[in-house]
PDB file of N, CA and C in Angstrom:
ATOM      1  N   MET A   1       5.823  -0.977 -18.512  1.00  0.00           N
ATOM      2  CA  MET A   1       6.499  -0.121 -17.561  1.00  0.00           C
ATOM      3  C   MET A   1       6.229  -0.650 -16.152  1.00  0.00           C
ATOM      4  N   LYS A   2       7.237  -0.545 -15.297  1.00  0.00           N
ATOM      5  CA  LYS A   2       7.095  -0.955 -13.895  1.00  0.00           C
ATOM      6  C   LYS A   2       6.936   0.280 -13.018  1.00  0.00           C
ATOM      7  N   PHE A   3       5.855   0.277 -12.227  1.00  0.00           N
ATOM      8  CA  PHE A   3       5.583   1.370 -11.299  1.00  0.00           C
ATOM      9  C   PHE A   3       5.732   0.891  -9.865  1.00  0.00           C
ATOM     10  N   GLY A   4       6.495   1.621  -9.086  1.00  0.00           N
ATOM     11  CA  GLY A   4       6.474   1.463  -7.636  1.00  0.00           C
ATOM     12  C   GLY A   4       5.576   2.556  -7.091  1.00  0.00           C
ATOM     13  N   ILE A   5       4.863   2.258  -6.022  1.00  0.00           N
ATOM     14  CA  ILE A   5       3.941   3.227  -5.445  1.00  0.00           C
ATOM     15  C   ILE A   5       4.275   3.424  -3.980  1.00  0.00           C
ATOM     16  N   LEU A   6       4.281   4.697  -3.567  1.00  0.00           N
ATOM     17  CA  LEU A   6       4.511   5.074  -2.170  1.00  0.00           C
ATOM     18  C   LEU A   6       3.242   5.735  -1.648  1.00  0.00           C
ATOM     19  N   VAL A   7       2.678   5.191  -0.562  1.00  0.00           N
ATOM     20  CA  VAL A   7       1.469   5.728   0.053  1.00  0.00           C
ATOM     21  C   VAL A   7       1.824   6.282   1.426  1.00  0.00           C
ATOM     22  N   ASN A   8       1.600   7.587   1.622  1.00  0.00           N
ATOM     23  CA  ASN A   8       1.986   8.257   2.866  1.00  0.00           C
ATOM     24  C   ASN A   8       0.817   8.658   3.760  1.00  0.00           C
ATOM     25  N   GLU A   9      -0.407   8.369   3.353  1.00  0.00           N
ATOM     26  CA  GLU A   9      -1.576   8.820   4.122  1.00  0.00           C
ATOM     27  C   GLU A   9      -2.459   7.645   4.514  1.00  0.00           C
ATOM     28  N   GLY A  10      -3.229   7.832   5.576  1.00  0.00           N
ATOM     29  CA  GLY A  10      -4.142   6.813   6.070  1.00  0.00           C
ATOM     30  C   GLY A  10      -5.317   6.592   5.137  1.00  0.00           C
ATOM     31  N   PRO A  11      -6.054   5.496   5.355  1.00  0.00           N
ATOM     32  CA  PRO A  11      -7.080   5.098   4.404  1.00  0.00           C
ATOM     33  C   PRO A  11      -8.364   5.920   4.395  1.00  0.00           C
ATOM     34  N   TYR A  12      -8.762   6.505   5.483  1.00  0.00           N
ATOM     35  CA  TYR A  12     -10.066   7.164   5.508  1.00  0.00           C
ATOM     36  C   TYR A  12     -10.008   8.651   5.821  1.00  0.00           C
ATOM     37  N   ASN A  13      -8.812   9.215   5.890  1.00  0.00           N
ATOM     38  CA  ASN A  13      -8.713  10.640   6.206  1.00  0.00           C
ATOM     39  C   ASN A  13      -8.077  11.455   5.092  1.00  0.00           C
ATOM     40  N   HIS A  14      -7.810  10.836   3.958  1.00  0.00           N
ATOM     41  CA  HIS A  14      -7.118  11.536   2.885  1.00  0.00           C
ATOM     42  C   HIS A  14      -7.408  10.830   1.567  1.00  0.00           C
ATOM     43  N   GLN A  15      -7.476  11.562   0.497  1.00  0.00           N
ATOM     44  CA  GLN A  15      -7.756  11.010  -0.829  1.00  0.00           C
ATOM     45  C   GLN A  15      -6.575  10.207  -1.390  1.00  0.00           C
ATOM     46  N   ALA A  16      -5.392  10.380  -0.822  1.00  0.00           N
ATOM     47  CA  ALA A  16      -4.187   9.763  -1.375  1.00  0.00           C
ATOM     48  C   ALA A  16      -4.297   8.251  -1.516  1.00  0.00           C
ATOM     49  N   THR A  17      -4.897   7.596  -0.542  1.00  0.00           N
ATOM     50  CA  THR A  17      -4.995   6.139  -0.597  1.00  0.00           C
ATOM     51  C   THR A  17      -5.893   5.683  -1.736  1.00  0.00           C
ATOM     52  N   ASP A  18      -7.054   6.313  -1.865  1.00  0.00           N
ATOM     53  CA  ASP A  18      -7.946   5.960  -2.969  1.00  0.00           C
ATOM     54  C   ASP A  18      -7.274   6.227  -4.309  1.00  0.00           C
ATOM     55  N   SER A  19      -6.574   7.343  -4.424  1.00  0.00           N
ATOM     56  CA  SER A  19      -5.878   7.676  -5.669  1.00  0.00           C
ATOM     57  C   SER A  19      -4.783   6.664  -5.978  1.00  0.00           C
ATOM     58  N   ALA A  20      -4.029   6.270  -4.963  1.00  0.00           N
ATOM     59  CA  ALA A  20      -2.963   5.286  -5.157  1.00  0.00           C
ATOM     60  C   ALA A  20      -3.533   3.955  -5.631  1.00  0.00           C
ATOM     61  N   TYR A  21      -4.613   3.512  -5.001  1.00  0.00           N
ATOM     62  CA  TYR A  21      -5.239   2.255  -5.397  1.00  0.00           C
ATOM     63  C   TYR A  21      -5.762   2.336  -6.833  1.00  0.00           C
ATOM     64  N   GLN A  22      -6.465   3.417  -7.157  1.00  0.00           N
ATOM     65  CA  GLN A  22      -7.014   3.572  -8.504  1.00  0.00           C
ATOM     66  C   GLN A  22      -5.894   3.635  -9.553  1.00  0.00           C
ATOM     67  N   PHE A  23      -4.800   4.303  -9.210  1.00  0.00           N
ATOM     68  CA  PHE A  23      -3.650   4.364 -10.116  1.00  0.00           C
ATOM     69  C   PHE A  23      -3.084   2.965 -10.347  1.00  0.00           C
ATOM     70  N   ALA A  24      -2.876   2.226  -9.270  1.00  0.00           N
ATOM     71  CA  ALA A  24      -2.324   0.876  -9.382  1.00  0.00           C
ATOM     72  C   ALA A  24      -3.222  -0.012 -10.228  1.00  0.00           C
ATOM     73  N   LYS A  25      -4.504   0.034  -9.961  1.00  0.00           N
ATOM     74  CA  LYS A  25      -5.472  -0.785 -10.690  1.00  0.00           C
ATOM     75  C   LYS A  25      -5.478  -0.405 -12.176  1.00  0.00           C
ATOM     76  N   ALA A  26      -5.496   0.883 -12.477  1.00  0.00           N
ATOM     77  CA  ALA A  26      -5.504   1.340 -13.870  1.00  0.00           C
ATOM     78  C   ALA A  26      -4.220   0.938 -14.590  1.00  0.00           C
ATOM     79  N   ALA A  27      -3.088   1.064 -13.911  1.00  0.00           N
ATOM     80  CA  ALA A  27      -1.808   0.694 -14.519  1.00  0.00           C
ATOM     81  C   ALA A  27      -1.789  -0.795 -14.872  1.00  0.00           C
ATOM     82  N   ILE A  28      -2.239  -1.610 -13.939  1.00  0.00           N
ATOM     83  CA  ILE A  28      -2.282  -3.054 -14.177  1.00  0.00           C
ATOM     84  C   ILE A  28      -3.248  -3.375 -15.314  1.00  0.00           C
ATOM     85  N   ASP A  29      -4.402  -2.737 -15.308  1.00  0.00           N
ATOM     86  CA  ASP A  29      -5.399  -2.967 -16.360  1.00  0.00           C
ATOM     87  C   ASP A  29      -4.870  -2.581 -17.743  1.00  0.00           C
ATOM     88  N   LYS A  30      -3.944  -1.621 -17.800  1.00  0.00           N
ATOM     89  CA  LYS A  30      -3.346  -1.185 -19.070  1.00  0.00           C
ATOM     90  C   LYS A  30      -2.125  -2.021 -19.460  1.00  0.00           C
ATOM     91  N   GLY A  31      -1.804  -3.042 -18.657  1.00  0.00           N
ATOM     92  CA  GLY A  31      -0.705  -3.929 -18.999  1.00  0.00           C
ATOM     93  C   GLY A  31       0.624  -3.594 -18.361  1.00  0.00           C
ATOM     94  N   HIS A  32       0.652  -2.586 -17.495  1.00  0.00           N
ATOM     95  CA  HIS A  32       1.882  -2.251 -16.782  1.00  0.00           C
ATOM     96  C   HIS A  32       2.020  -3.137 -15.551  1.00  0.00           C
ATOM     97  N   GLN A  33       3.173  -3.105 -14.938  1.00  0.00           N
ATOM     98  CA  GLN A  33       3.414  -3.874 -13.715  1.00  0.00           C
ATOM     99  C   GLN A  33       3.479  -2.935 -12.520  1.00  0.00           C
ATOM    100  N   VAL A  34       2.949  -3.398 -11.403  1.00  0.00           N
ATOM    101  CA  VAL A  34       3.076  -2.703 -10.119  1.00  0.00           C
ATOM    102  C   VAL A  34       3.610  -3.757  -9.144  1.00  0.00           C
ATOM    103  N   PRO A  35       4.925  -3.952  -9.146  1.00  0.00           N
ATOM    104  CA  PRO A  35       5.491  -5.001  -8.305  1.00  0.00           C
ATOM    105  C   PRO A  35       5.393  -4.722  -6.805  1.00  0.00           C
ATOM    106  N   ARG A  36       5.408  -3.429  -6.418  1.00  0.00           N
ATOM    107  CA  ARG A  36       5.434  -3.126  -4.980  1.00  0.00           C
ATOM    108  C   ARG A  36       4.708  -1.826  -4.678  1.00  0.00           C
ATOM    109  N   VAL A  37       3.986  -1.855  -3.556  1.00  0.00           N
ATOM    110  CA  VAL A  37       3.415  -0.649  -2.960  1.00  0.00           C
ATOM    111  C   VAL A  37       4.018  -0.549  -1.560  1.00  0.00           C
ATOM    112  N   PHE A  38       4.610   0.604  -1.264  1.00  0.00           N
ATOM    113  CA  PHE A  38       5.252   0.818   0.037  1.00  0.00           C
ATOM    114  C   PHE A  38       4.407   1.795   0.849  1.00  0.00           C
ATOM    115  N   PHE A  39       4.066   1.410   2.068  1.00  0.00           N
ATOM    116  CA  PHE A  39       3.236   2.222   2.950  1.00  0.00           C
ATOM    117  C   PHE A  39       4.125   2.836   4.025  1.00  0.00           C
ATOM    118  N   TYR A  40       4.094   4.161   4.106  1.00  0.00           N
ATOM    119  CA  TYR A  40       5.003   4.908   4.973  1.00  0.00           C
ATOM    120  C   TYR A  40       4.207   5.976   5.720  1.00  0.00           C
ATOM    121  N   HIS A  41       4.752   6.512   6.781  1.00  0.00           N
ATOM    122  CA  HIS A  41       4.075   7.501   7.629  1.00  0.00           C
ATOM    123  C   HIS A  41       2.687   6.966   8.009  1.00  0.00           C
ATOM    124  N   ASP A  42       1.639   7.790   7.923  1.00  0.00           N
ATOM    125  CA  ASP A  42       0.291   7.316   8.267  1.00  0.00           C
ATOM    126  C   ASP A  42      -0.251   6.316   7.254  1.00  0.00           C
ATOM    127  N   GLY A  43       0.427   6.154   6.148  1.00  0.00           N
ATOM    128  CA  GLY A  43       0.017   5.159   5.166  1.00  0.00           C
ATOM    129  C   GLY A  43       0.024   3.741   5.711  1.00  0.00           C
ATOM    130  N   VAL A  44       0.774   3.507   6.790  1.00  0.00           N
ATOM    131  CA  VAL A  44       0.812   2.165   7.374  1.00  0.00           C
ATOM    132  C   VAL A  44      -0.552   1.722   7.882  1.00  0.00           C
ATOM    133  N   TYR A  45      -1.439   2.676   8.162  1.00  0.00           N
ATOM    134  CA  TYR A  45      -2.785   2.316   8.626  1.00  0.00           C
ATOM    135  C   TYR A  45      -3.594   1.588   7.552  1.00  0.00           C
ATOM    136  N   ASN A  46      -3.156   1.620   6.317  1.00  0.00           N
ATOM    137  CA  ASN A  46      -3.819   0.871   5.256  1.00  0.00           C
ATOM    138  C   ASN A  46      -3.658  -0.633   5.421  1.00  0.00           C
ATOM    139  N   SER A  47      -2.775  -1.063   6.286  1.00  0.00           N
ATOM    140  CA  SER A  47      -2.428  -2.477   6.391  1.00  0.00           C
ATOM    141  C   SER A  47      -3.121  -3.230   7.515  1.00  0.00           C
ATOM    142  N   THR A  48      -3.836  -2.558   8.374  1.00  0.00           N
ATOM    143  CA  THR A  48      -4.371  -3.236   9.551  1.00  0.00           C
ATOM    144  C   THR A  48      -5.706  -3.928   9.288  1.00  0.00           C
ATOM    145  N   ARG A  49      -5.802  -5.159   9.718  1.00  0.00           N
ATOM    146  CA  ARG A  49      -7.045  -5.913   9.581  1.00  0.00           C
ATOM    147  C   ARG A  49      -8.054  -5.513  10.645  1.00  0.00           C
ATOM    148  N   LEU A  50      -7.694  -4.607  11.532  1.00  0.00           N
ATOM    149  CA  LEU A  50      -8.576  -4.189  12.619  1.00  0.00           C
ATOM    150  C   LEU A  50      -9.614  -3.152  12.191  1.00  0.00           C
ATOM    151  N   THR A  51      -9.500  -2.615  10.977  1.00  0.00           N
ATOM    152  CA  THR A  51     -10.498  -1.649  10.517  1.00  0.00           C
ATOM    153  C   THR A  51     -11.782  -2.375  10.141  1.00  0.00           C
ATOM    154  N   GLU A  52     -12.903  -1.770  10.465  1.00  0.00           N
ATOM    155  CA  GLU A  52     -14.215  -2.339  10.137  1.00  0.00           C
ATOM    156  C   GLU A  52     -15.122  -1.236   9.606  1.00  0.00           C
ATOM    157  N   PRO A  53     -14.979  -0.911   8.316  1.00  0.00           N
ATOM    158  CA  PRO A  53     -15.829   0.139   7.748  1.00  0.00           C
ATOM    159  C   PRO A  53     -17.285  -0.328   7.671  1.00  0.00           C
ATOM    160  N   PRO A  54     -18.223   0.601   7.682  1.00  0.00           N
ATOM    161  CA  PRO A  54     -19.633   0.230   7.524  1.00  0.00           C
ATOM    162  C   PRO A  54     -19.858  -0.505   6.203  1.00  0.00           C
ATOM    163  N   GLN A  55     -20.917  -1.288   6.144  1.00  0.00           N
ATOM    164  CA  GLN A  55     -21.189  -2.089   4.944  1.00  0.00           C
ATOM    165  C   GLN A  55     -21.370  -1.248   3.690  1.00  0.00           C
ATOM    166  N   ASP A  56     -21.860  -0.023   3.855  1.00  0.00           N
ATOM    167  CA  ASP A  56     -22.098   0.815   2.674  1.00  0.00           C
ATOM    168  C   ASP A  56     -20.880   1.663   2.295  1.00  0.00           C
ATOM    169  N   ASP A  57     -19.746   1.447   2.955  1.00  0.00           N
ATOM    170  CA  ASP A  57     -18.515   2.184   2.663  1.00  0.00           C
ATOM    171  C   ASP A  57     -17.516   1.240   2.005  1.00  0.00           C
ATOM    172  N   ARG A  58     -16.544   1.802   1.333  1.00  0.00           N
ATOM    173  CA  ARG A  58     -15.510   0.985   0.702  1.00  0.00           C
ATOM    174  C   ARG A  58     -14.567   0.421   1.770  1.00  0.00           C
ATOM    175  N   ASN A  59     -14.110  -0.794   1.550  1.00  0.00           N
ATOM    176  CA  ASN A  59     -13.163  -1.423   2.465  1.00  0.00           C
ATOM    177  C   ASN A  59     -11.784  -1.323   1.829  1.00  0.00           C
ATOM    178  N   ILE A  60     -11.091  -0.263   2.176  1.00  0.00           N
ATOM    179  CA  ILE A  60      -9.817   0.050   1.532  1.00  0.00           C
ATOM    180  C   ILE A  60      -8.773  -1.029   1.790  1.00  0.00           C
ATOM    181  N   VAL A  61      -8.697  -1.515   3.001  1.00  0.00           N
ATOM    182  CA  VAL A  61      -7.709  -2.547   3.343  1.00  0.00           C
ATOM    183  C   VAL A  61      -7.970  -3.811   2.521  1.00  0.00           C
ATOM    184  N   ALA A  62      -9.223  -4.217   2.428  1.00  0.00           N
ATOM    185  CA  ALA A  62      -9.572  -5.413   1.654  1.00  0.00           C
ATOM    186  C   ALA A  62      -9.250  -5.233   0.174  1.00  0.00           C
ATOM    187  N   ARG A  63      -9.417  -4.010  -0.346  1.00  0.00           N
ATOM    188  CA  ARG A  63      -9.079  -3.757  -1.749  1.00  0.00           C
ATOM    189  C   ARG A  63      -7.598  -3.995  -1.996  1.00  0.00           C
ATOM    190  N   TRP A  64      -6.746  -3.474  -1.098  1.00  0.00           N
ATOM    191  CA  TRP A  64      -5.307  -3.687  -1.247  1.00  0.00           C
ATOM    192  C   TRP A  64      -4.974  -5.169  -1.185  1.00  0.00           C
ATOM    193  N   SER A  65      -5.573  -5.878  -0.218  1.00  0.00           N
ATOM    194  CA  SER A  65      -5.306  -7.316  -0.082  1.00  0.00           C
ATOM    195  C   SER A  65      -5.694  -8.066  -1.346  1.00  0.00           C
ATOM    196  N   LYS A  66      -6.833  -7.727  -1.915  1.00  0.00           N
ATOM    197  CA  LYS A  66      -7.299  -8.382  -3.140  1.00  0.00           C
ATOM    198  C   LYS A  66      -6.365  -8.083  -4.309  1.00  0.00           C
ATOM    199  N   LEU A  67      -5.915  -6.830  -4.408  1.00  0.00           N
ATOM    200  CA  LEU A  67      -4.978  -6.454  -5.464  1.00  0.00           C
ATOM    201  C   LEU A  67      -3.695  -7.270  -5.353  1.00  0.00           C
ATOM    202  N   ALA A  68      -3.187  -7.416  -4.147  1.00  0.00           N
ATOM    203  CA  ALA A  68      -1.962  -8.189  -3.920  1.00  0.00           C
ATOM    204  C   ALA A  68      -2.151  -9.645  -4.333  1.00  0.00           C
ATOM    205  N   GLU A  69      -3.279 -10.210  -3.955  1.00  0.00           N
ATOM    206  CA  GLU A  69      -3.544 -11.611  -4.253  1.00  0.00           C
ATOM    207  C   GLU A  69      -3.721 -11.853  -5.746  1.00  0.00           C
ATOM    208  N   GLU A  70      -4.482 -11.000  -6.405  1.00  0.00           N
ATOM    209  CA  GLU A  70      -4.799 -11.208  -7.813  1.00  0.00           C
ATOM    210  C   GLU A  70      -3.668 -10.856  -8.766  1.00  0.00           C
ATOM    211  N   HIS A  71      -2.799  -9.918  -8.359  1.00  0.00           N
ATOM    212  CA  HIS A  71      -1.779  -9.425  -9.289  1.00  0.00           C
ATOM    213  C   HIS A  71      -0.354  -9.533  -8.746  1.00  0.00           C
ATOM    214  N   ASN A  72      -0.194 -10.287  -7.668  1.00  0.00           N
ATOM    215  CA  ASN A  72       1.135 -10.523  -7.084  1.00  0.00           C
ATOM    216  C   ASN A  72       1.859  -9.217  -6.759  1.00  0.00           C
ATOM    217  N   VAL A  73       1.145  -8.288  -6.136  1.00  0.00           N
ATOM    218  CA  VAL A  73       1.722  -7.015  -5.724  1.00  0.00           C
ATOM    219  C   VAL A  73       2.270  -7.167  -4.308  1.00  0.00           C
ATOM    220  N   ASP A  74       3.496  -6.751  -4.104  1.00  0.00           N
ATOM    221  CA  ASP A  74       4.158  -6.805  -2.800  1.00  0.00           C
ATOM    222  C   ASP A  74       3.739  -5.572  -1.999  1.00  0.00           C
ATOM    223  N   LEU A  75       2.951  -5.765  -0.938  1.00  0.00           N
ATOM    224  CA  LEU A  75       2.485  -4.665  -0.089  1.00  0.00           C
ATOM    225  C   LEU A  75       3.396  -4.588   1.124  1.00  0.00           C
ATOM    226  N   VAL A  76       4.252  -3.576   1.172  1.00  0.00           N
ATOM    227  CA  VAL A  76       5.273  -3.461   2.203  1.00  0.00           C
ATOM    228  C   VAL A  76       4.953  -2.305   3.146  1.00  0.00           C
ATOM    229  N   VAL A  77       4.971  -2.607   4.436  1.00  0.00           N
ATOM    230  CA  VAL A  77       4.709  -1.631   5.487  1.00  0.00           C
ATOM    231  C   VAL A  77       6.032  -1.283   6.153  1.00  0.00           C
ATOM    232  N   CYS A  78       6.347   0.009   6.248  1.00  0.00           N
ATOM    233  CA  CYS A  78       7.587   0.433   6.879  1.00  0.00           C
ATOM    234  C   CYS A  78       7.588   0.018   8.350  1.00  0.00           C
ATOM    235  N   VAL A  79       8.615  -0.672   8.762  1.00  0.00           N
ATOM    236  CA  VAL A  79       8.686  -1.181  10.132  1.00  0.00           C
ATOM    237  C   VAL A  79       8.719  -0.053  11.159  1.00  0.00           C
ATOM    238  N   ALA A  80       9.518   0.971  10.937  1.00  0.00           N
ATOM    239  CA  ALA A  80       9.631   2.060  11.919  1.00  0.00           C
ATOM    240  C   ALA A  80       8.328   2.850  12.024  1.00  0.00           C
ATOM    241  N   ALA A  81       7.750   3.209  10.883  1.00  0.00           N
ATOM    242  CA  ALA A  81       6.481   3.951  10.891  1.00  0.00           C
ATOM    243  C   ALA A  81       5.374   3.093  11.483  1.00  0.00           C
ATOM    244  N   GLY A  82       5.387   1.809  11.196  1.00  0.00           N
ATOM    245  CA  GLY A  82       4.377   0.904  11.716  1.00  0.00           C
ATOM    246  C   GLY A  82       4.449   0.768  13.226  1.00  0.00           C
ATOM    247  N   LEU A  83       5.638   0.537  13.737  1.00  0.00           N
ATOM    248  CA  LEU A  83       5.788   0.370  15.185  1.00  0.00           C
ATOM    249  C   LEU A  83       5.381   1.630  15.938  1.00  0.00           C
ATOM    250  N   ARG A  84       5.681   2.798  15.385  1.00  0.00           N
ATOM    251  CA  ARG A  84       5.256   4.051  16.024  1.00  0.00           C
ATOM    252  C   ARG A  84       3.742   4.152  16.135  1.00  0.00           C
ATOM    253  N   ARG A  85       3.041   3.451  15.249  1.00  0.00           N
ATOM    254  CA  ARG A  85       1.580   3.550  15.188  1.00  0.00           C
ATOM    255  C   ARG A  85       0.883   2.261  15.620  1.00  0.00           C
ATOM    256  N   GLY A  86       1.631   1.345  16.218  1.00  0.00           N
ATOM    257  CA  GLY A  86       1.041   0.113  16.731  1.00  0.00           C
ATOM    258  C   GLY A  86       0.769  -0.951  15.689  1.00  0.00           C
ATOM    259  N   ILE A  87       1.365  -0.817  14.529  1.00  0.00           N
ATOM    260  CA  ILE A  87       1.179  -1.806  13.468  1.00  0.00           C
ATOM    261  C   ILE A  87       2.294  -2.843  13.574  1.00  0.00           C
ATOM    262  N   LYS A  88       1.893  -4.073  13.905  1.00  0.00           N
ATOM    263  CA  LYS A  88       2.829  -5.189  14.031  1.00  0.00           C
ATOM    264  C   LYS A  88       2.310  -6.342  13.181  1.00  0.00           C
ATOM    265  N   ASP A  89       3.106  -7.387  13.070  1.00  0.00           N
ATOM    266  CA  ASP A  89       2.709  -8.552  12.273  1.00  0.00           C
ATOM    267  C   ASP A  89       1.333  -9.084  12.661  1.00  0.00           C
ATOM    268  N   GLU A  90       1.008  -9.044  13.941  1.00  0.00           N
ATOM    269  CA  GLU A  90      -0.245  -9.625  14.429  1.00  0.00           C
ATOM    270  C   GLU A  90      -1.491  -8.931  13.886  1.00  0.00           C
ATOM    271  N   VAL A  91      -1.376  -7.687  13.459  1.00  0.00           N
ATOM    272  CA  VAL A  91      -2.555  -6.944  13.011  1.00  0.00           C
ATOM    273  C   VAL A  91      -2.586  -6.740  11.498  1.00  0.00           C
ATOM    274  N   LEU A  92      -1.627  -7.306  10.782  1.00  0.00           N
ATOM    275  CA  LEU A  92      -1.577  -7.102   9.337  1.00  0.00           C
ATOM    276  C   LEU A  92      -2.683  -7.862   8.619  1.00  0.00           C
ATOM    277  N   ALA A  93      -3.276  -7.206   7.646  1.00  0.00           N
ATOM    278  CA  ALA A  93      -4.257  -7.842   6.767  1.00  0.00           C
ATOM    279  C   ALA A  93      -3.508  -8.755   5.790  1.00  0.00           C
ATOM    280  N   PRO A  94      -4.222  -9.689   5.175  1.00  0.00           N
ATOM    281  CA  PRO A  94      -3.584 -10.574   4.200  1.00  0.00           C
ATOM    282  C   PRO A  94      -2.911  -9.783   3.077  1.00  0.00           C
ATOM    283  N   GLY A  95      -1.728 -10.263   2.682  1.00  0.00           N
ATOM    284  CA  GLY A  95      -1.004  -9.649   1.573  1.00  0.00           C
ATOM    285  C   GLY A  95       0.019  -8.615   1.978  1.00  0.00           C
ATOM    286  N   PHE A  96      -0.065  -8.130   3.224  1.00  0.00           N
ATOM    287  CA  PHE A  96       0.876  -7.114   3.705  1.00  0.00           C
ATOM    288  C   PHE A  96       2.031  -7.781   4.452  1.00  0.00           C
ATOM    289  N   ARG A  97       3.181  -7.128   4.404  1.00  0.00           N
ATOM    290  CA  ARG A  97       4.325  -7.577   5.195  1.00  0.00           C
ATOM    291  C   ARG A  97       5.081  -6.363   5.697  1.00  0.00           C
ATOM    292  N   ILE A  98       5.812  -6.541   6.768  1.00  0.00           N
ATOM    293  CA  ILE A  98       6.597  -5.456   7.357  1.00  0.00           C
ATOM    294  C   ILE A  98       8.046  -5.598   6.919  1.00  0.00           C
ATOM    295  N   SER A  99       8.641  -4.471   6.534  1.00  0.00           N
ATOM    296  CA  SER A  99      10.052  -4.461   6.150  1.00  0.00           C
ATOM    297  C   SER A  99      10.585  -3.047   6.302  1.00  0.00           C
ATOM    298  N   GLY A 100      11.834  -2.851   5.936  1.00  0.00           N
ATOM    299  CA  GLY A 100      12.482  -1.560   6.125  1.00  0.00           C
ATOM    300  C   GLY A 100      12.469  -0.677   4.895  1.00  0.00           C
ATOM    301  N   LEU A 101      13.047   0.503   5.061  1.00  0.00           N
ATOM    302  CA  LEU A 101      13.095   1.483   3.982  1.00  0.00           C
ATOM    303  C   LEU A 101      13.912   1.008   2.773  1.00  0.00           C
ATOM    304  N   GLY A 102      14.725   0.005   2.968  1.00  0.00           N
ATOM    305  CA  GLY A 102      15.484  -0.549   1.847  1.00  0.00           C
ATOM    306  C   GLY A 102      14.576  -1.014   0.719  1.00  0.00           C
ATOM    307  N   GLN A 103      13.366  -1.480   1.070  1.00  0.00           N
ATOM    308  CA  GLN A 103      12.407  -1.924   0.064  1.00  0.00           C
ATOM    309  C   GLN A 103      11.922  -0.749  -0.791  1.00  0.00           C
ATOM    310  N   LEU A 104      11.799   0.423  -0.162  1.00  0.00           N
ATOM    311  CA  LEU A 104      11.421   1.630  -0.900  1.00  0.00           C
ATOM    312  C   LEU A 104      12.553   2.074  -1.815  1.00  0.00           C
ATOM    313  N   VAL A 105      13.757   2.068  -1.295  1.00  0.00           N
ATOM    314  CA  VAL A 105      14.928   2.449  -2.096  1.00  0.00           C
ATOM    315  C   VAL A 105      15.079   1.506  -3.287  1.00  0.00           C
ATOM    316  N   GLU A 106      14.915   0.222  -3.028  1.00  0.00           N
ATOM    317  CA  GLU A 106      15.015  -0.762  -4.101  1.00  0.00           C
ATOM    318  C   GLU A 106      13.978  -0.503  -5.195  1.00  0.00           C
ATOM    319  N   ALA A 107      12.757  -0.176  -4.803  1.00  0.00           N
ATOM    320  CA  ALA A 107      11.710   0.137  -5.787  1.00  0.00           C
ATOM    321  C   ALA A 107      12.100   1.353  -6.619  1.00  0.00           C
ATOM    322  N   GLY A 108      12.665   2.363  -5.979  1.00  0.00           N
ATOM    323  CA  GLY A 108      13.082   3.563  -6.694  1.00  0.00           C
ATOM    324  C   GLY A 108      14.190   3.302  -7.691  1.00  0.00           C
ATOM    325  N   ILE A 109      15.024   2.339  -7.397  1.00  0.00           N
ATOM    326  CA  ILE A 109      16.146   2.008  -8.279  1.00  0.00           C
ATOM    327  C   ILE A 109      15.720   1.059  -9.397  1.00  0.00           C
ATOM    328  N   GLN A 110      14.959   0.035  -9.058  1.00  0.00           N
ATOM    329  CA  GLN A 110      14.663  -1.042 -10.009  1.00  0.00           C
ATOM    330  C   GLN A 110      13.492  -0.764 -10.947  1.00  0.00           C
ATOM    331  N   TYR A 111      12.561   0.084 -10.536  1.00  0.00           N
ATOM    332  CA  TYR A 111      11.369   0.291 -11.349  1.00  0.00           C
ATOM    333  C   TYR A 111      11.520   1.544 -12.202  1.00  0.00           C
ATOM    334  N   ASP A 112      10.703   1.635 -13.239  1.00  0.00           N
ATOM    335  CA  ASP A 112      10.783   2.775 -14.152  1.00  0.00           C
ATOM    336  C   ASP A 112      10.328   4.080 -13.498  1.00  0.00           C
ATOM    337  N   ARG A 113       9.307   3.991 -12.651  1.00  0.00           N
ATOM    338  CA  ARG A 113       8.779   5.172 -11.960  1.00  0.00           C
ATOM    339  C   ARG A 113       8.414   4.800 -10.542  1.00  0.00           C
ATOM    340  N   LEU A 114       8.607   5.755  -9.629  1.00  0.00           N
ATOM    341  CA  LEU A 114       8.126   5.646  -8.261  1.00  0.00           C
ATOM    342  C   LEU A 114       7.140   6.795  -8.068  1.00  0.00           C
ATOM    343  N   VAL A 115       5.871   6.460  -7.887  1.00  0.00           N
ATOM    344  CA  VAL A 115       4.815   7.460  -7.809  1.00  0.00           C
ATOM    345  C   VAL A 115       4.390   7.596  -6.344  1.00  0.00           C
ATOM    346  N   THR A 116       4.381   8.828  -5.846  1.00  0.00           N
ATOM    347  CA  THR A 116       4.079   9.096  -4.446  1.00  0.00           C
ATOM    348  C   THR A 116       2.682   9.676  -4.305  1.00  0.00           C
ATOM    349  N   PHE A 117       1.939   9.173  -3.309  1.00  0.00           N
ATOM    350  CA  PHE A 117       0.600   9.666  -3.001  1.00  0.00           C
ATOM    351  C   PHE A 117       0.576  10.122  -1.551  1.00  0.00           C
ATOM    352  N   GLY A 118       0.243  11.384  -1.344  1.00  0.00           N
ATOM    353  CA  GLY A 118       0.204  11.964  -0.005  1.00  0.00           C
ATOM    354  C   GLY A 118       1.493  12.708   0.306  1.00  0.00           C
ATOM    355  N   ASP A 119       1.430  13.502   1.347  1.00  0.00           N
ATOM    356  CA  ASP A 119       2.584  14.333   1.740  1.00  0.00           C
ATOM    357  C   ASP A 119       3.724  13.527   2.274  1.00  0.00           C
TER     358      ASP A 119
END
């Protein structure tokens, strides 16, 4: 089964990001595909390389980057939501790219399920 994932919340202020990551990882581990994760609203904050969590905390941005690298997951940041929040190409962590809502629509059409995390 192919899952598209939509993340609408920031990395350290809401459980949605951790849940989305754990869902993606579990789906892949069970043999499913997660071709794309789309970051929208405050979810775009998951893409910035400017975050520096303490050493004893989880590095959410690095986890997403590693997932993308190891499993060829397309991490897409909404251009409009990103620009409103200061997220541009220059601050993106490895594995992330900026694109439009068409990428979200495409995921909803092409994949078996589109799972949303956050409001």
